[in-house]
Amino acid sequence: MTRLPIDHCPYCGKPHDSATNADPGRDERPPEPGDASMCIGCGSMLIFDDDLKLSKPDPETLQILLSDARVQQMIGAWLEGKFGAKPG
């Protein structure tokens, strides 16, 4: 886990102060501009901008993210943890 300056989700306003690399097999590293993230509060997909602030992805980027199997797994795990429900 990498500690970051406090930022807030642009969708729900939840404060975020850390990020974890969820890519299996890769060493832990701090986020870089353009990296994707997910709000632990509302489950929205986010992008780190050039200043490492959380931002909303553009529609094309969001579509690419949501079609990625790893992102789908991450969303499924979030849903299960948040609501006790497995995606069907």
C-alpha atoms as a PDB file:
ATOM      1  CA  MET A   1       0.000   0.000   0.000  1.00  0.00           C
ATOM      2  CA  THR A   2       1.224   3.469  -0.891  1.00  0.00           C
ATOM      3  CA  ARG A   3       0.212   6.452   1.250  1.00  0.00           C
ATOM      4  CA  LEU A   4      -0.870   9.509  -0.739  1.00  0.00           C
ATOM      5  CA  PRO A   5      -1.948  13.046   0.108  1.00  0.00           C
ATOM      6  CA  ILE A   6      -5.653  13.047   0.924  1.00  0.00           C
ATOM      7  CA  ASP A   7      -7.884  13.369  -2.117  1.00  0.00           C
ATOM      8  CA  HIS A   8     -11.606  12.774  -2.594  1.00  0.00           C
ATOM      9  CA  CYS A   9     -13.622  10.651  -5.002  1.00  0.00           C
ATOM     10  CA  PRO A  10     -15.095  12.981  -7.642  1.00  0.00           C
ATOM     11  CA  TYR A  11     -18.319  10.917  -7.580  1.00  0.00           C
ATOM     12  CA  CYS A  12     -19.132  10.406  -3.879  1.00  0.00           C
ATOM     13  CA  GLY A  13     -16.599  12.604  -2.055  1.00  0.00           C
ATOM     14  CA  LYS A  14     -15.086   9.780   0.031  1.00  0.00           C
ATOM     15  CA  PRO A  15     -11.572  10.715   1.160  1.00  0.00           C
ATOM     16  CA  HIS A  16      -8.718   8.567  -0.140  1.00  0.00           C
ATOM     17  CA  ASP A  17      -5.204   8.570   1.298  1.00  0.00           C
ATOM     18  CA  SER A  18      -3.676   5.388  -0.099  1.00  0.00           C
ATOM     19  CA  ALA A  19      -3.523   3.103  -3.111  1.00  0.00           C
ATOM     20  CA  THR A  20      -2.651  -0.560  -3.543  1.00  0.00           C
ATOM     21  CA  ASN A  21      -1.354  -2.160  -6.714  1.00  0.00           C
ATOM     22  CA  ALA A  22      -3.945  -4.830  -7.541  1.00  0.00           C
ATOM     23  CA  ASP A  23      -2.044  -6.197 -10.536  1.00  0.00           C
ATOM     24  CA  PRO A  24      -0.873  -9.709  -9.545  1.00  0.00           C
ATOM     25  CA  GLY A  25       2.788 -10.448 -10.104  1.00  0.00           C
ATOM     26  CA  ARG A  26       3.873  -6.816 -10.082  1.00  0.00           C
ATOM     27  CA  ASP A  27       5.858  -5.214  -7.335  1.00  0.00           C
ATOM     28  CA  GLU A  28       4.140  -2.638  -5.186  1.00  0.00           C
ATOM     29  CA  ARG A  29       4.730   0.771  -6.688  1.00  0.00           C
ATOM     30  CA  PRO A  30       3.146   4.163  -6.224  1.00  0.00           C
ATOM     31  CA  PRO A  31       0.506   5.171  -8.763  1.00  0.00           C
ATOM     32  CA  GLU A  32       1.529   7.042 -11.872  1.00  0.00           C
ATOM     33  CA  PRO A  33      -0.464   9.469 -14.019  1.00  0.00           C
ATOM     34  CA  GLY A  34      -2.979   7.532 -16.105  1.00  0.00           C
ATOM     35  CA  ASP A  35      -3.222   4.597 -13.681  1.00  0.00           C
ATOM     36  CA  ALA A  36      -6.709   3.413 -12.829  1.00  0.00           C
ATOM     37  CA  SER A  37      -8.128   3.192  -9.338  1.00  0.00           C
ATOM     38  CA  MET A  38     -11.432   2.319  -7.736  1.00  0.00           C
ATOM     39  CA  CYS A  39     -13.289   4.206  -5.020  1.00  0.00           C
ATOM     40  CA  ILE A  40     -13.678   1.975  -1.988  1.00  0.00           C
ATOM     41  CA  GLY A  41     -16.750   4.005  -1.009  1.00  0.00           C
ATOM     42  CA  CYS A  42     -18.911   3.934  -4.146  1.00  0.00           C
ATOM     43  CA  GLY A  43     -17.054   1.497  -6.438  1.00  0.00           C
ATOM     44  CA  SER A  44     -16.543   4.026  -9.234  1.00  0.00           C
ATOM     45  CA  MET A  45     -13.578   3.672 -11.543  1.00  0.00           C
ATOM     46  CA  LEU A  46     -11.129   6.569 -11.320  1.00  0.00           C
ATOM     47  CA  ILE A  47      -7.968   7.745 -13.055  1.00  0.00           C
ATOM     48  CA  PHE A  48      -4.914   9.384 -11.498  1.00  0.00           C
ATOM     49  CA  ASP A  49      -4.317  12.656 -13.345  1.00  0.00           C
ATOM     50  CA  ASP A  50      -0.934  14.321 -13.976  1.00  0.00           C
ATOM     51  CA  ASP A  51      -0.889  15.623 -10.377  1.00  0.00           C
ATOM     52  CA  LEU A  52      -1.959  12.189  -9.003  1.00  0.00           C
ATOM     53  CA  LYS A  53      -5.388  13.567  -8.143  1.00  0.00           C
ATOM     54  CA  LEU A  54      -8.379  11.282  -8.629  1.00  0.00           C
ATOM     55  CA  SER A  55     -10.452  12.145 -11.676  1.00  0.00           C
ATOM     56  CA  LYS A  56     -13.374  10.724 -13.635  1.00  0.00           C
ATOM     57  CA  PRO A  57     -12.315   8.698 -16.669  1.00  0.00           C
ATOM     58  CA  ASP A  58     -13.586   9.808 -20.040  1.00  0.00           C
ATOM     59  CA  PRO A  59     -16.285   7.540 -21.546  1.00  0.00           C
ATOM     60  CA  GLU A  60     -13.856   5.704 -23.856  1.00  0.00           C
ATOM     61  CA  THR A  61     -11.410   4.980 -21.014  1.00  0.00           C
ATOM     62  CA  LEU A  62     -14.248   3.842 -18.762  1.00  0.00           C
ATOM     63  CA  GLN A  63     -15.480   1.430 -21.446  1.00  0.00           C
ATOM     64  CA  ILE A  64     -11.960  -0.025 -21.800  1.00  0.00           C
ATOM     65  CA  LEU A  65     -11.617  -0.386 -18.018  1.00  0.00           C
ATOM     66  CA  LEU A  66     -15.002  -2.065 -17.602  1.00  0.00           C
ATOM     67  CA  SER A  67     -14.210  -4.605 -20.314  1.00  0.00           C
ATOM     68  CA  ASP A  68     -10.996  -5.702 -18.530  1.00  0.00           C
ATOM     69  CA  ALA A  69     -11.363  -9.032 -16.684  1.00  0.00           C
ATOM     70  CA  ARG A  70      -9.173  -7.840 -13.792  1.00  0.00           C
ATOM     71  CA  VAL A  71     -11.348  -4.776 -13.294  1.00  0.00           C
ATOM     72  CA  GLN A  72     -14.483  -6.936 -13.438  1.00  0.00           C
ATOM     73  CA  GLN A  73     -12.977  -9.170 -10.731  1.00  0.00           C
ATOM     74  CA  MET A  74     -12.133  -6.157  -8.599  1.00  0.00           C
ATOM     75  CA  ILE A  75     -15.669  -4.775  -8.940  1.00  0.00           C
ATOM     76  CA  GLY A  76     -17.098  -8.202  -8.083  1.00  0.00           C
ATOM     77  CA  ALA A  77     -14.958  -8.406  -4.949  1.00  0.00           C
ATOM     78  CA  TRP A  78     -16.019  -4.865  -3.981  1.00  0.00           C
ATOM     79  CA  LEU A  79     -19.708  -5.750  -4.447  1.00  0.00           C
ATOM     80  CA  GLU A  80     -19.328  -8.899  -2.385  1.00  0.00           C
ATOM     81  CA  GLY A  81     -17.527  -7.061   0.403  1.00  0.00           C
ATOM     82  CA  LYS A  82     -19.902  -4.104   0.376  1.00  0.00           C
ATOM     83  CA  PHE A  83     -23.219  -5.885  -0.044  1.00  0.00           C
ATOM     84  CA  GLY A  84     -22.480  -9.565   0.547  1.00  0.00           C
ATOM     85  CA  ALA A  85     -23.616 -10.267  -3.003  1.00  0.00           C
ATOM     86  CA  LYS A  86     -21.758 -12.042  -5.766  1.00  0.00           C
ATOM     87  CA  PRO A  87     -22.310 -10.675  -9.272  1.00  0.00           C
ATOM     88  CA  GLY A  88     -24.484 -12.965 -11.339  1.00  0.00           C
END
